[in-house]
Amino acid sequence: MQKTGYKTRQQDLLLSYLKEMQGKHFTAEDVRAHFEEKKISIGIATIYRQLEKLVNEGKIQKYFIDDHSAACFEYDGEKCNSAEKHFHLKCELCGRLIHLECEELEELGGHLKTEHGFVINPLRTVFYGVCTECLNKTK
């Protein structure tokens, strides 16, 4: 099998996984574990390379939440647009990452720009706390 055919097969497998994960956050390790569970051999270096390629092509978004967590990715299908403004909530108990689109926070961004001369990057802004599921478990 030629190298380009092998690469195309891996890209197809990865795109299939991305469609399953549409709208959810995942790491390169999540991708590796998924394929390992399905007994499909794709090396972690190849996964990183393919994910970076898709980021550069604008097909997926890449997030760096903090210095202690691996980069995570998101595929939003046809509507994937890195300019789309949303914030993130990260649960400190389960580690879940949640999208937050909130007009009040957009207003806060406007206030920071107008009153303080500071423009926040909503794609890199993370609010830490505890998600509803974890709150319910602790009750």
N, C-alpha and C. Protein backbone atom coordinates (compact mmCIF):
# COMPACT_ATOMS: atom_id res chain seq x y z
N MET A 1 0.84 -1.17 0.00
CA MET A 1 0.00 0.00 0.00
C MET A 1 0.89 1.24 0.00
N GLN A 2 0.55 2.22 -0.81
CA GLN A 2 1.35 3.44 -0.88
C GLN A 2 1.12 4.29 0.36
N LYS A 3 2.10 5.08 0.66
CA LYS A 3 2.04 5.91 1.86
C LYS A 3 0.84 6.86 1.83
N THR A 4 0.55 7.46 0.67
CA THR A 4 -0.56 8.40 0.61
C THR A 4 -1.89 7.70 0.86
N GLY A 5 -2.07 6.45 0.38
CA GLY A 5 -3.29 5.70 0.62
C GLY A 5 -3.46 5.42 2.11
N TYR A 6 -2.38 5.07 2.78
CA TYR A 6 -2.39 4.79 4.22
C TYR A 6 -2.79 6.05 4.98
N LYS A 7 -2.21 7.16 4.56
CA LYS A 7 -2.50 8.43 5.20
C LYS A 7 -3.98 8.79 5.01
N THR A 8 -4.50 8.59 3.82
CA THR A 8 -5.90 8.90 3.55
C THR A 8 -6.81 8.04 4.42
N ARG A 9 -6.49 6.78 4.59
CA ARG A 9 -7.28 5.89 5.43
C ARG A 9 -7.30 6.41 6.86
N GLN A 10 -6.14 6.83 7.35
CA GLN A 10 -6.07 7.36 8.71
C GLN A 10 -6.86 8.66 8.84
N GLN A 11 -6.78 9.51 7.83
CA GLN A 11 -7.55 10.74 7.85
C GLN A 11 -9.04 10.43 7.86
N ASP A 12 -9.46 9.46 7.06
CA ASP A 12 -10.87 9.07 7.03
C ASP A 12 -11.33 8.54 8.39
N LEU A 13 -10.49 7.71 9.00
CA LEU A 13 -10.81 7.18 10.33
C LEU A 13 -10.92 8.32 11.35
N LEU A 14 -9.99 9.25 11.29
CA LEU A 14 -10.00 10.37 12.22
C LEU A 14 -11.23 11.24 12.00
N LEU A 15 -11.55 11.53 10.75
CA LEU A 15 -12.74 12.35 10.47
C LEU A 15 -14.01 11.65 10.94
N SER A 16 -14.05 10.35 10.81
CA SER A 16 -15.20 9.58 11.30
C SER A 16 -15.32 9.75 12.82
N TYR A 17 -14.20 9.67 13.53
CA TYR A 17 -14.20 9.87 14.98
C TYR A 17 -14.65 11.29 15.32
N LEU A 18 -14.14 12.27 14.57
CA LEU A 18 -14.50 13.67 14.84
C LEU A 18 -16.01 13.87 14.71
N LYS A 19 -16.61 13.24 13.72
CA LYS A 19 -18.05 13.37 13.54
C LYS A 19 -18.81 12.76 14.72
N GLU A 20 -18.29 11.66 15.27
CA GLU A 20 -18.89 11.07 16.47
C GLU A 20 -18.78 12.02 17.66
N MET A 21 -17.71 12.79 17.69
CA MET A 21 -17.43 13.66 18.83
C MET A 21 -17.89 15.10 18.58
N GLN A 22 -18.63 15.34 17.54
CA GLN A 22 -19.01 16.71 17.17
C GLN A 22 -19.60 17.47 18.35
N GLY A 23 -19.03 18.65 18.59
CA GLY A 23 -19.50 19.50 19.67
C GLY A 23 -18.94 19.16 21.04
N LYS A 24 -18.11 18.12 21.12
CA LYS A 24 -17.50 17.72 22.40
C LYS A 24 -16.00 17.97 22.34
N HIS A 25 -15.40 18.14 23.49
CA HIS A 25 -13.95 18.33 23.57
C HIS A 25 -13.28 16.98 23.72
N PHE A 26 -12.10 16.84 23.12
CA PHE A 26 -11.33 15.61 23.23
C PHE A 26 -9.85 15.94 23.11
N THR A 27 -9.03 15.04 23.62
CA THR A 27 -7.58 15.20 23.52
C THR A 27 -7.03 14.18 22.53
N ALA A 28 -5.78 14.33 22.17
CA ALA A 28 -5.14 13.36 21.28
C ALA A 28 -5.13 11.99 21.96
N GLU A 29 -4.98 11.97 23.27
CA GLU A 29 -5.01 10.70 24.02
C GLU A 29 -6.38 10.05 23.95
N ASP A 30 -7.44 10.85 23.97
CA ASP A 30 -8.80 10.31 23.80
C ASP A 30 -8.93 9.63 22.44
N VAL A 31 -8.37 10.25 21.42
CA VAL A 31 -8.43 9.69 20.07
C VAL A 31 -7.67 8.37 20.03
N ARG A 32 -6.46 8.35 20.60
CA ARG A 32 -5.65 7.13 20.63
C ARG A 32 -6.39 6.00 21.34
N ALA A 33 -6.97 6.32 22.50
CA ALA A 33 -7.69 5.30 23.27
C ALA A 33 -8.89 4.76 22.50
N HIS A 34 -9.57 5.64 21.80
CA HIS A 34 -10.73 5.22 20.99
C HIS A 34 -10.31 4.19 19.94
N PHE A 35 -9.24 4.50 19.21
CA PHE A 35 -8.80 3.58 18.17
C PHE A 35 -8.20 2.31 18.75
N GLU A 36 -7.53 2.41 19.87
CA GLU A 36 -6.98 1.22 20.52
C GLU A 36 -8.12 0.29 20.95
N GLU A 37 -9.18 0.86 21.48
CA GLU A 37 -10.34 0.08 21.90
C GLU A 37 -10.98 -0.65 20.71
N LYS A 38 -10.94 -0.01 19.54
CA LYS A 38 -11.51 -0.61 18.33
C LYS A 38 -10.50 -1.49 17.60
N LYS A 39 -9.31 -1.68 18.21
CA LYS A 39 -8.24 -2.51 17.63
C LYS A 39 -7.75 -1.96 16.28
N ILE A 40 -7.71 -0.63 16.18
CA ILE A 40 -7.20 0.04 14.98
C ILE A 40 -5.87 0.69 15.36
N SER A 41 -4.83 0.36 14.63
CA SER A 41 -3.49 0.84 14.97
C SER A 41 -3.19 2.17 14.28
N ILE A 42 -3.18 3.24 15.09
CA ILE A 42 -2.75 4.56 14.63
C ILE A 42 -1.87 5.12 15.73
N GLY A 43 -0.65 5.46 15.39
CA GLY A 43 0.30 5.96 16.38
C GLY A 43 -0.06 7.35 16.88
N ILE A 44 0.33 7.63 18.10
CA ILE A 44 0.03 8.92 18.72
C ILE A 44 0.67 10.08 17.94
N ALA A 45 1.86 9.87 17.38
CA ALA A 45 2.50 10.93 16.59
C ALA A 45 1.67 11.25 15.35
N THR A 46 1.12 10.23 14.73
CA THR A 46 0.26 10.44 13.55
C THR A 46 -1.01 11.17 13.95
N ILE A 47 -1.56 10.81 15.09
CA ILE A 47 -2.77 11.48 15.56
C ILE A 47 -2.48 12.96 15.79
N TYR A 48 -1.39 13.27 16.48
CA TYR A 48 -1.03 14.68 16.70
C TYR A 48 -0.83 15.40 15.37
N ARG A 49 -0.13 14.78 14.45
CA ARG A 49 0.14 15.40 13.16
C ARG A 49 -1.17 15.69 12.41
N GLN A 50 -2.08 14.72 12.40
CA GLN A 50 -3.35 14.90 11.69
C GLN A 50 -4.22 15.96 12.38
N LEU A 51 -4.24 15.97 13.70
CA LEU A 51 -5.01 16.98 14.42
C LEU A 51 -4.48 18.38 14.14
N GLU A 52 -3.15 18.53 14.15
CA GLU A 52 -2.55 19.84 13.87
C GLU A 52 -2.87 20.28 12.44
N LYS A 53 -2.85 19.33 11.52
CA LYS A 53 -3.19 19.64 10.13
C LYS A 53 -4.63 20.16 10.03
N LEU A 54 -5.54 19.50 10.74
CA LEU A 54 -6.95 19.91 10.73
C LEU A 54 -7.14 21.26 11.41
N VAL A 55 -6.36 21.54 12.44
CA VAL A 55 -6.39 22.86 13.09
C VAL A 55 -5.95 23.91 12.08
N ASN A 56 -4.83 23.67 11.40
CA ASN A 56 -4.30 24.62 10.42
C ASN A 56 -5.26 24.85 9.27
N GLU A 57 -6.03 23.83 8.92
CA GLU A 57 -7.02 23.95 7.84
C GLU A 57 -8.31 24.59 8.33
N GLY A 58 -8.42 24.84 9.63
CA GLY A 58 -9.62 25.45 10.19
C GLY A 58 -10.79 24.49 10.35
N LYS A 59 -10.51 23.19 10.31
CA LYS A 59 -11.59 22.20 10.42
C LYS A 59 -11.90 21.82 11.87
N ILE A 60 -10.93 22.02 12.76
CA ILE A 60 -11.17 21.81 14.18
C ILE A 60 -10.53 22.96 14.95
N GLN A 61 -10.98 23.13 16.18
CA GLN A 61 -10.40 24.15 17.05
C GLN A 61 -9.54 23.49 18.11
N LYS A 62 -8.51 24.20 18.51
CA LYS A 62 -7.60 23.69 19.54
C LYS A 62 -7.62 24.66 20.71
N TYR A 63 -7.73 24.11 21.92
CA TYR A 63 -7.79 24.91 23.13
C TYR A 63 -6.68 24.50 24.09
N PHE A 64 -6.08 25.51 24.72
CA PHE A 64 -5.15 25.28 25.82
C PHE A 64 -5.84 25.84 27.06
N ILE A 65 -6.31 24.96 27.91
CA ILE A 65 -7.11 25.40 29.05
C ILE A 65 -6.22 25.88 30.19
N ASP A 66 -5.17 25.14 30.50
CA ASP A 66 -4.24 25.55 31.55
C ASP A 66 -2.90 24.86 31.32
N ASP A 67 -1.94 25.19 32.16
CA ASP A 67 -0.59 24.64 32.00
C ASP A 67 -0.49 23.17 32.40
N HIS A 68 -1.51 22.65 33.06
CA HIS A 68 -1.45 21.29 33.59
C HIS A 68 -2.24 20.28 32.76
N SER A 69 -3.01 20.75 31.80
CA SER A 69 -3.86 19.87 31.01
C SER A 69 -3.36 19.80 29.57
N ALA A 70 -3.61 18.65 28.95
CA ALA A 70 -3.26 18.51 27.53
C ALA A 70 -4.16 19.42 26.71
N ALA A 71 -3.67 19.82 25.56
CA ALA A 71 -4.51 20.60 24.64
C ALA A 71 -5.73 19.77 24.28
N CYS A 72 -6.85 20.43 24.14
CA CYS A 72 -8.03 19.70 23.70
C CYS A 72 -8.52 20.30 22.39
N PHE A 73 -9.29 19.51 21.70
CA PHE A 73 -9.75 19.86 20.36
C PHE A 73 -11.27 19.76 20.32
N GLU A 74 -11.84 20.42 19.30
CA GLU A 74 -13.28 20.33 19.10
C GLU A 74 -13.59 20.43 17.62
N TYR A 75 -14.50 19.58 17.19
CA TYR A 75 -15.00 19.59 15.81
C TYR A 75 -16.46 20.01 15.87
N ASP A 76 -16.80 21.07 15.14
CA ASP A 76 -18.18 21.55 15.11
C ASP A 76 -18.82 21.35 13.75
N GLY A 77 -18.29 20.43 12.97
CA GLY A 77 -18.87 20.16 11.66
C GLY A 77 -18.71 21.35 10.74
N GLU A 78 -19.72 21.59 9.96
CA GLU A 78 -19.67 22.66 8.96
C GLU A 78 -19.61 24.04 9.60
N LYS A 79 -20.12 24.15 10.84
CA LYS A 79 -20.14 25.48 11.47
C LYS A 79 -18.87 25.80 12.23
N CYS A 80 -17.84 24.96 12.11
CA CYS A 80 -16.59 25.21 12.82
C CYS A 80 -16.02 26.56 12.39
N ASN A 81 -15.83 27.43 13.35
CA ASN A 81 -15.35 28.77 13.06
C ASN A 81 -14.63 29.29 14.29
N SER A 82 -13.32 29.40 14.21
CA SER A 82 -12.55 29.81 15.38
C SER A 82 -12.88 31.24 15.82
N ALA A 83 -13.58 32.01 14.97
CA ALA A 83 -13.95 33.36 15.35
C ALA A 83 -15.24 33.37 16.19
N GLU A 84 -15.95 32.24 16.23
CA GLU A 84 -17.17 32.15 17.01
C GLU A 84 -16.82 32.36 18.48
N LYS A 85 -17.51 33.29 19.11
CA LYS A 85 -17.16 33.65 20.48
C LYS A 85 -17.91 32.81 21.48
N HIS A 86 -17.16 32.16 22.33
CA HIS A 86 -17.73 31.46 23.47
C HIS A 86 -16.64 31.32 24.52
N PHE A 87 -17.08 31.15 25.74
CA PHE A 87 -16.18 30.98 26.86
C PHE A 87 -16.21 29.51 27.27
N HIS A 88 -15.39 29.16 28.23
CA HIS A 88 -15.37 27.79 28.72
C HIS A 88 -15.53 27.77 30.23
N LEU A 89 -16.21 26.73 30.69
CA LEU A 89 -16.31 26.44 32.11
C LEU A 89 -15.59 25.13 32.34
N LYS A 90 -14.74 25.04 33.33
CA LYS A 90 -14.04 23.79 33.62
C LYS A 90 -14.37 23.37 35.04
N CYS A 91 -14.91 22.15 35.14
CA CYS A 91 -15.23 21.60 36.46
C CYS A 91 -13.94 21.15 37.13
N GLU A 92 -13.74 21.64 38.34
CA GLU A 92 -12.53 21.30 39.09
C GLU A 92 -12.59 19.90 39.68
N LEU A 93 -13.77 19.27 39.68
CA LEU A 93 -13.88 17.93 40.23
C LEU A 93 -13.75 16.86 39.16
N CYS A 94 -14.53 16.95 38.09
CA CYS A 94 -14.50 15.91 37.06
C CYS A 94 -13.66 16.29 35.85
N GLY A 95 -13.26 17.56 35.73
CA GLY A 95 -12.42 17.99 34.62
C GLY A 95 -13.18 18.30 33.35
N ARG A 96 -14.49 18.17 33.38
CA ARG A 96 -15.30 18.42 32.19
C ARG A 96 -15.16 19.86 31.71
N LEU A 97 -15.13 20.04 30.41
CA LEU A 97 -15.03 21.36 29.79
C LEU A 97 -16.35 21.66 29.10
N ILE A 98 -16.95 22.78 29.43
CA ILE A 98 -18.29 23.13 28.95
C ILE A 98 -18.22 24.44 28.19
N HIS A 99 -18.88 24.49 27.03
CA HIS A 99 -18.99 25.75 26.28
C HIS A 99 -20.01 26.65 26.95
N LEU A 100 -19.74 27.93 26.90
CA LEU A 100 -20.66 28.90 27.47
C LEU A 100 -20.80 30.06 26.50
N GLU A 101 -21.99 30.22 25.97
CA GLU A 101 -22.30 31.39 25.15
C GLU A 101 -23.28 32.20 25.97
N CYS A 102 -22.87 33.39 26.36
CA CYS A 102 -23.67 34.17 27.30
C CYS A 102 -23.54 35.65 26.95
N GLU A 103 -24.69 36.28 26.70
CA GLU A 103 -24.67 37.69 26.32
C GLU A 103 -24.07 38.57 27.41
N GLU A 104 -24.31 38.22 28.67
CA GLU A 104 -23.76 39.02 29.76
C GLU A 104 -22.23 39.03 29.73
N LEU A 105 -21.64 37.89 29.39
CA LEU A 105 -20.18 37.85 29.31
C LEU A 105 -19.67 38.64 28.10
N GLU A 106 -20.43 38.63 27.03
CA GLU A 106 -20.06 39.46 25.88
C GLU A 106 -20.12 40.93 26.27
N GLU A 107 -21.13 41.29 27.08
CA GLU A 107 -21.21 42.66 27.58
C GLU A 107 -20.01 42.99 28.47
N LEU A 108 -19.60 42.01 29.29
CA LEU A 108 -18.42 42.21 30.12
C LEU A 108 -17.20 42.47 29.24
N GLY A 109 -17.07 41.71 28.16
CA GLY A 109 -15.97 41.93 27.22
C GLY A 109 -15.99 43.33 26.65
N GLY A 110 -17.18 43.81 26.31
CA GLY A 110 -17.32 45.19 25.81
C GLY A 110 -16.93 46.20 26.86
N HIS A 111 -17.33 45.97 28.09
CA HIS A 111 -16.97 46.86 29.20
C HIS A 111 -15.45 46.90 29.39
N LEU A 112 -14.83 45.72 29.40
CA LEU A 112 -13.37 45.68 29.58
C LEU A 112 -12.65 46.44 28.48
N LYS A 113 -13.17 46.33 27.26
CA LYS A 113 -12.53 47.02 26.14
C LYS A 113 -12.73 48.54 26.25
N THR A 114 -13.96 48.94 26.50
CA THR A 114 -14.28 50.37 26.54
C THR A 114 -13.69 51.07 27.75
N GLU A 115 -13.89 50.49 28.92
CA GLU A 115 -13.51 51.16 30.16
C GLU A 115 -12.07 50.90 30.60
N HIS A 116 -11.50 49.78 30.14
CA HIS A 116 -10.18 49.42 30.65
C HIS A 116 -9.15 49.21 29.54
N GLY A 117 -9.57 49.36 28.28
CA GLY A 117 -8.64 49.21 27.17
C GLY A 117 -8.04 47.83 27.04
N PHE A 118 -8.84 46.81 27.39
CA PHE A 118 -8.34 45.44 27.38
C PHE A 118 -9.32 44.56 26.62
N VAL A 119 -8.80 43.80 25.66
CA VAL A 119 -9.64 42.90 24.87
C VAL A 119 -9.36 41.47 25.31
N ILE A 120 -10.40 40.80 25.79
CA ILE A 120 -10.21 39.42 26.21
C ILE A 120 -10.40 38.48 25.02
N ASN A 121 -9.75 37.34 25.11
CA ASN A 121 -9.89 36.31 24.09
C ASN A 121 -10.85 35.26 24.63
N PRO A 122 -12.11 35.27 24.18
CA PRO A 122 -13.08 34.33 24.74
C PRO A 122 -12.74 32.87 24.52
N LEU A 123 -12.04 32.56 23.45
CA LEU A 123 -11.68 31.17 23.20
C LEU A 123 -10.65 30.65 24.19
N ARG A 124 -9.95 31.56 24.87
CA ARG A 124 -8.94 31.14 25.85
C ARG A 124 -9.33 31.52 27.27
N THR A 125 -10.56 31.98 27.45
CA THR A 125 -11.01 32.37 28.77
C THR A 125 -11.75 31.21 29.41
N VAL A 126 -11.31 30.83 30.61
CA VAL A 126 -11.87 29.68 31.30
C VAL A 126 -12.30 30.10 32.70
N PHE A 127 -13.51 29.73 33.05
CA PHE A 127 -14.02 29.93 34.40
C PHE A 127 -13.99 28.58 35.11
N TYR A 128 -13.37 28.55 36.27
CA TYR A 128 -13.24 27.31 37.04
C TYR A 128 -14.30 27.27 38.13
N GLY A 129 -14.83 26.08 38.36
CA GLY A 129 -15.83 25.89 39.39
C GLY A 129 -16.26 24.44 39.42
N VAL A 130 -17.50 24.19 39.80
CA VAL A 130 -18.03 22.83 39.90
C VAL A 130 -19.30 22.73 39.07
N CYS A 131 -19.38 21.71 38.21
CA CYS A 131 -20.54 21.53 37.34
C CYS A 131 -21.73 21.02 38.13
N THR A 132 -22.91 21.12 37.55
CA THR A 132 -24.14 20.68 38.19
C THR A 132 -24.10 19.21 38.58
N GLU A 133 -23.58 18.37 37.69
CA GLU A 133 -23.52 16.92 37.99
C GLU A 133 -22.70 16.66 39.24
N CYS A 134 -21.54 17.29 39.34
CA CYS A 134 -20.69 17.09 40.52
C CYS A 134 -21.32 17.69 41.76
N LEU A 135 -21.99 18.83 41.61
CA LEU A 135 -22.69 19.42 42.76
C LEU A 135 -23.76 18.47 43.28
N ASN A 136 -24.50 17.86 42.36
CA ASN A 136 -25.55 16.91 42.76
C ASN A 136 -24.98 15.68 43.43
N LYS A 137 -23.80 15.23 42.99
CA LYS A 137 -23.16 14.05 43.60
C LYS A 137 -22.70 14.33 45.02
N THR A 138 -22.28 15.57 45.28
CA THR A 138 -21.76 15.90 46.60
C THR A 138 -22.85 16.17 47.62
N LYS A 139 -24.10 16.32 47.16
CA LYS A 139 -25.23 16.58 48.08
C LYS A 139 -25.69 15.33 48.76
